Amino acid sequence: MTYQPDVPSRSDSTWIAMSAAAQGPWAAALAGGAAVGLADLGMHVLGGHLTVAAPLALGLAVFFLIGAGGALLRRGYDRTRAWAQQHPWAYASVPAAGTAATVFAAYLFLSSDGVFGSLWEGLGDGLGVLFLLGIIGYVARGVRPASRRG
């Protein structure tokens, strides 16, 4: 009999991270992302530079930050959230990938940046979300740990 460690595979980790992120306040995230995106659009219009891609990209990044970060900070016990707090970088990679993909698409279709410029914008925003959610994961582990009952 061979020993099988209790470590999820990469695809299992992705599903666990998605399950933990699904518990986030996504309605509040949508409202926050829309508010930030509209405010940024207003700032661009006041500055005389009409663009849709940059405010949409900022709104998408805020949407993923609020939704996925809020899932880490919820009260109560949950195994998937406990896993996410114990593996903050693996958890953060899923919303970061979502951010990178949607920002890439926004820049590709709504700006004149081209494929490489859009890829650069998507990767930059994805790395920002990855870094911030990783930090939130470490903070959530100490502030509201999900690994103990109560």
C-alpha atoms as a PDB file:
ATOM      1  CA  MET A   1       0.000   0.000   0.000  1.00  0.00           C
ATOM      2  CA  THR A   2       1.425   3.378  -0.961  1.00  0.00           C
ATOM      3  CA  TYR A   3       1.117   6.502   1.128  1.00  0.00           C
ATOM      4  CA  GLN A   4      -1.133   9.204  -0.319  1.00  0.00           C
ATOM      5  CA  PRO A   5      -0.635  12.575   1.396  1.00  0.00           C
ATOM      6  CA  ASP A   6      -3.704  14.623   2.275  1.00  0.00           C
ATOM      7  CA  VAL A   7      -2.688  17.421  -0.055  1.00  0.00           C
ATOM      8  CA  PRO A   8      -5.139  18.381  -2.772  1.00  0.00           C
ATOM      9  CA  SER A   9      -3.942  18.349  -6.340  1.00  0.00           C
ATOM     10  CA  ARG A  10      -3.730  21.576  -8.307  1.00  0.00           C
ATOM     11  CA  SER A  11      -7.182  21.128  -9.827  1.00  0.00           C
ATOM     12  CA  ASP A  12      -8.649  20.243  -6.425  1.00  0.00           C
ATOM     13  CA  SER A  13      -7.059  23.378  -4.951  1.00  0.00           C
ATOM     14  CA  THR A  14      -8.710  25.465  -7.638  1.00  0.00           C
ATOM     15  CA  TRP A  15     -12.126  24.011  -6.831  1.00  0.00           C
ATOM     16  CA  ILE A  16     -11.625  24.581  -3.089  1.00  0.00           C
ATOM     17  CA  ALA A  17     -10.571  28.184  -3.723  1.00  0.00           C
ATOM     18  CA  MET A  18     -13.599  28.761  -5.957  1.00  0.00           C
ATOM     19  CA  SER A  19     -15.881  27.288  -3.295  1.00  0.00           C
ATOM     20  CA  ALA A  20     -14.424  29.582  -0.638  1.00  0.00           C
ATOM     21  CA  ALA A  21     -14.672  32.625  -2.907  1.00  0.00           C
ATOM     22  CA  ALA A  22     -18.310  31.828  -3.714  1.00  0.00           C
ATOM     23  CA  GLN A  23     -19.184  32.761  -0.135  1.00  0.00           C
ATOM     24  CA  GLY A  24     -18.129  36.363  -0.667  1.00  0.00           C
ATOM     25  CA  PRO A  25     -20.424  39.385  -0.666  1.00  0.00           C
ATOM     26  CA  TRP A  26     -20.740  39.478  -4.454  1.00  0.00           C
ATOM     27  CA  ALA A  27     -23.707  41.885  -4.513  1.00  0.00           C
ATOM     28  CA  ALA A  28     -21.693  44.391  -2.478  1.00  0.00           C
ATOM     29  CA  ALA A  29     -18.704  43.685  -4.720  1.00  0.00           C
ATOM     30  CA  LEU A  30     -20.770  44.492  -7.797  1.00  0.00           C
ATOM     31  CA  ALA A  31     -21.975  47.735  -6.239  1.00  0.00           C
ATOM     32  CA  GLY A  32     -18.458  48.696  -5.141  1.00  0.00           C
ATOM     33  CA  GLY A  33     -16.908  47.866  -8.489  1.00  0.00           C
ATOM     34  CA  ALA A  34     -19.598  49.808 -10.335  1.00  0.00           C
ATOM     35  CA  ALA A  35     -19.201  52.826  -8.036  1.00  0.00           C
ATOM     36  CA  VAL A  36     -15.411  52.888  -8.412  1.00  0.00           C
ATOM     37  CA  GLY A  37     -15.618  52.340 -12.171  1.00  0.00           C
ATOM     38  CA  LEU A  38     -18.161  55.135 -12.619  1.00  0.00           C
ATOM     39  CA  ALA A  39     -16.135  57.484 -10.434  1.00  0.00           C
ATOM     40  CA  ASP A  40     -13.025  56.732 -12.494  1.00  0.00           C
ATOM     41  CA  LEU A  41     -14.999  57.274 -15.709  1.00  0.00           C
ATOM     42  CA  GLY A  42     -16.117  60.650 -14.337  1.00  0.00           C
ATOM     43  CA  MET A  43     -12.525  61.580 -13.547  1.00  0.00           C
ATOM     44  CA  HIS A  44     -11.465  60.646 -17.076  1.00  0.00           C
ATOM     45  CA  VAL A  45     -14.290  62.693 -18.593  1.00  0.00           C
ATOM     46  CA  LEU A  46     -13.428  65.699 -16.404  1.00  0.00           C
ATOM     47  CA  GLY A  47      -9.820  65.363 -17.509  1.00  0.00           C
ATOM     48  CA  GLY A  48     -10.874  65.419 -21.142  1.00  0.00           C
ATOM     49  CA  HIS A  49      -9.816  61.854 -21.886  1.00  0.00           C
ATOM     50  CA  LEU A  50     -12.811  59.713 -22.774  1.00  0.00           C
ATOM     51  CA  THR A  51     -12.016  56.041 -22.297  1.00  0.00           C
ATOM     52  CA  VAL A  52     -14.054  53.076 -21.194  1.00  0.00           C
ATOM     53  CA  ALA A  53     -11.402  50.371 -20.829  1.00  0.00           C
ATOM     54  CA  ALA A  54      -9.463  51.857 -17.907  1.00  0.00           C
ATOM     55  CA  PRO A  55     -12.499  52.584 -15.671  1.00  0.00           C
ATOM     56  CA  LEU A  56     -13.958  49.163 -16.491  1.00  0.00           C
ATOM     57  CA  ALA A  57     -10.656  47.494 -15.613  1.00  0.00           C
ATOM     58  CA  LEU A  58     -10.467  49.330 -12.290  1.00  0.00           C
ATOM     59  CA  GLY A  59     -14.072  48.415 -11.522  1.00  0.00           C
ATOM     60  CA  LEU A  60     -13.374  44.757 -12.295  1.00  0.00           C
ATOM     61  CA  ALA A  61     -10.318  44.707 -10.034  1.00  0.00           C
ATOM     62  CA  VAL A  62     -12.301  46.259  -7.177  1.00  0.00           C
ATOM     63  CA  PHE A  63     -15.139  43.785  -7.821  1.00  0.00           C
ATOM     64  CA  PHE A  64     -12.815  40.797  -7.414  1.00  0.00           C
ATOM     65  CA  LEU A  65     -11.078  42.336  -4.388  1.00  0.00           C
ATOM     66  CA  ILE A  66     -14.288  43.029  -2.482  1.00  0.00           C
ATOM     67  CA  GLY A  67     -15.899  39.698  -3.339  1.00  0.00           C
ATOM     68  CA  ALA A  68     -12.929  37.429  -2.685  1.00  0.00           C
ATOM     69  CA  GLY A  69     -11.588  39.486   0.222  1.00  0.00           C
ATOM     70  CA  GLY A  70     -14.994  39.560   1.862  1.00  0.00           C
ATOM     71  CA  ALA A  71     -15.179  35.776   1.666  1.00  0.00           C
ATOM     72  CA  LEU A  72     -12.002  35.548   3.736  1.00  0.00           C
ATOM     73  CA  LEU A  73     -13.291  37.948   6.394  1.00  0.00           C
ATOM     74  CA  ARG A  74     -16.729  36.389   6.994  1.00  0.00           C
ATOM     75  CA  ARG A  75     -17.634  35.084  10.430  1.00  0.00           C
ATOM     76  CA  GLY A  76     -18.241  31.444  11.267  1.00  0.00           C
ATOM     77  CA  TYR A  77     -16.637  28.105  10.606  1.00  0.00           C
ATOM     78  CA  ASP A  78     -16.214  26.757   7.110  1.00  0.00           C
ATOM     79  CA  ARG A  79     -13.702  24.195   5.856  1.00  0.00           C
ATOM     80  CA  THR A  80     -13.113  25.843   2.500  1.00  0.00           C
ATOM     81  CA  ARG A  81     -12.522  29.250   4.089  1.00  0.00           C
ATOM     82  CA  ALA A  82     -10.187  27.636   6.632  1.00  0.00           C
ATOM     83  CA  TRP A  83      -8.251  26.127   3.728  1.00  0.00           C
ATOM     84  CA  ALA A  84      -8.157  29.528   1.994  1.00  0.00           C
ATOM     85  CA  GLN A  85      -6.766  31.169   5.116  1.00  0.00           C
ATOM     86  CA  GLN A  86      -4.113  28.475   5.459  1.00  0.00           C
ATOM     87  CA  HIS A  87      -3.159  28.789   1.757  1.00  0.00           C
ATOM     88  CA  PRO A  88      -3.690  32.505   1.010  1.00  0.00           C
ATOM     89  CA  TRP A  89      -1.592  32.598  -2.167  1.00  0.00           C
ATOM     90  CA  ALA A  90      -3.248  29.539  -3.699  1.00  0.00           C
ATOM     91  CA  TYR A  91      -6.645  31.035  -2.840  1.00  0.00           C
ATOM     92  CA  ALA A  92      -5.720  34.450  -4.237  1.00  0.00           C
ATOM     93  CA  SER A  93      -4.583  32.961  -7.535  1.00  0.00           C
ATOM     94  CA  VAL A  94      -8.173  32.157  -8.584  1.00  0.00           C
ATOM     95  CA  PRO A  95      -9.640  35.695  -8.268  1.00  0.00           C
ATOM     96  CA  ALA A  96      -6.383  37.081  -9.670  1.00  0.00           C
ATOM     97  CA  ALA A  97      -6.765  34.895 -12.753  1.00  0.00           C
ATOM     98  CA  GLY A  98     -10.360  36.099 -13.111  1.00  0.00           C
ATOM     99  CA  THR A  99      -9.204  39.689 -12.860  1.00  0.00           C
ATOM    100  CA  ALA A 100      -6.425  39.182 -15.396  1.00  0.00           C
ATOM    101  CA  ALA A 101      -8.743  37.501 -17.900  1.00  0.00           C
ATOM    102  CA  THR A 102     -11.534  40.083 -17.671  1.00  0.00           C
ATOM    103  CA  VAL A 103      -9.207  43.087 -17.709  1.00  0.00           C
ATOM    104  CA  PHE A 104      -7.366  41.610 -20.696  1.00  0.00           C
ATOM    105  CA  ALA A 105     -10.677  41.237 -22.545  1.00  0.00           C
ATOM    106  CA  ALA A 106     -11.787  44.752 -21.591  1.00  0.00           C
ATOM    107  CA  TYR A 107      -8.594  46.312 -22.928  1.00  0.00           C
ATOM    108  CA  LEU A 108      -8.493  44.093 -25.991  1.00  0.00           C
ATOM    109  CA  PHE A 109     -12.014  44.960 -27.137  1.00  0.00           C
ATOM    110  CA  LEU A 110     -12.464  48.495 -25.768  1.00  0.00           C
ATOM    111  CA  SER A 111      -9.080  50.130 -26.342  1.00  0.00           C
ATOM    112  CA  SER A 112      -6.448  50.475 -29.021  1.00  0.00           C
ATOM    113  CA  ASP A 113      -3.716  48.826 -26.930  1.00  0.00           C
ATOM    114  CA  GLY A 114      -3.516  45.666 -29.041  1.00  0.00           C
ATOM    115  CA  VAL A 115      -2.866  42.160 -27.817  1.00  0.00           C
ATOM    116  CA  PHE A 116       0.401  42.765 -25.963  1.00  0.00           C
ATOM    117  CA  GLY A 117      -0.718  46.004 -24.344  1.00  0.00           C
ATOM    118  CA  SER A 118      -3.948  44.353 -23.234  1.00  0.00           C
ATOM    119  CA  LEU A 119      -2.028  41.373 -21.903  1.00  0.00           C
ATOM    120  CA  TRP A 120       0.260  43.697 -19.962  1.00  0.00           C
ATOM    121  CA  GLU A 121      -2.714  45.531 -18.414  1.00  0.00           C
ATOM    122  CA  GLY A 122      -4.437  42.258 -17.518  1.00  0.00           C
ATOM    123  CA  LEU A 123      -1.333  40.761 -15.932  1.00  0.00           C
ATOM    124  CA  GLY A 124      -0.632  43.951 -14.006  1.00  0.00           C
ATOM    125  CA  ASP A 125      -4.124  44.099 -12.527  1.00  0.00           C
ATOM    126  CA  GLY A 126      -4.102  40.355 -11.846  1.00  0.00           C
ATOM    127  CA  LEU A 127      -0.811  40.614  -9.947  1.00  0.00           C
ATOM    128  CA  GLY A 128      -2.178  43.536  -7.937  1.00  0.00           C
ATOM    129  CA  VAL A 129      -5.240  41.513  -6.925  1.00  0.00           C
ATOM    130  CA  LEU A 130      -3.034  38.499  -6.141  1.00  0.00           C
ATOM    131  CA  PHE A 131      -0.790  40.543  -3.866  1.00  0.00           C
ATOM    132  CA  LEU A 132      -3.631  42.319  -2.041  1.00  0.00           C
ATOM    133  CA  LEU A 133      -5.682  39.144  -1.515  1.00  0.00           C
ATOM    134  CA  GLY A 134      -2.601  37.301  -0.261  1.00  0.00           C
ATOM    135  CA  ILE A 135      -2.103  40.008   2.364  1.00  0.00           C
ATOM    136  CA  ILE A 136      -5.821  39.953   3.237  1.00  0.00           C
ATOM    137  CA  GLY A 137      -5.553  36.176   3.656  1.00  0.00           C
ATOM    138  CA  TYR A 138      -2.732  36.530   6.158  1.00  0.00           C
ATOM    139  CA  VAL A 139      -4.618  39.221   8.063  1.00  0.00           C
ATOM    140  CA  ALA A 140      -7.877  37.221   8.038  1.00  0.00           C
ATOM    141  CA  ARG A 141      -6.080  34.244   9.553  1.00  0.00           C
ATOM    142  CA  GLY A 142      -5.322  36.330  12.648  1.00  0.00           C
ATOM    143  CA  VAL A 143      -8.447  38.493  12.790  1.00  0.00           C
ATOM    144  CA  ARG A 144     -11.246  36.032  11.947  1.00  0.00           C
ATOM    145  CA  PRO A 145      -9.885  32.509  11.817  1.00  0.00           C
ATOM    146  CA  ALA A 146     -12.283  30.058  10.160  1.00  0.00           C
ATOM    147  CA  SER A 147     -10.463  26.960  11.398  1.00  0.00           C
ATOM    148  CA  ARG A 148     -12.010  26.840  14.858  1.00  0.00           C
ATOM    149  CA  ARG A 149     -15.609  26.563  15.823  1.00  0.00           C
ATOM    150  CA  GLY A 150     -17.361  29.339  17.657  1.00  0.00           C
END
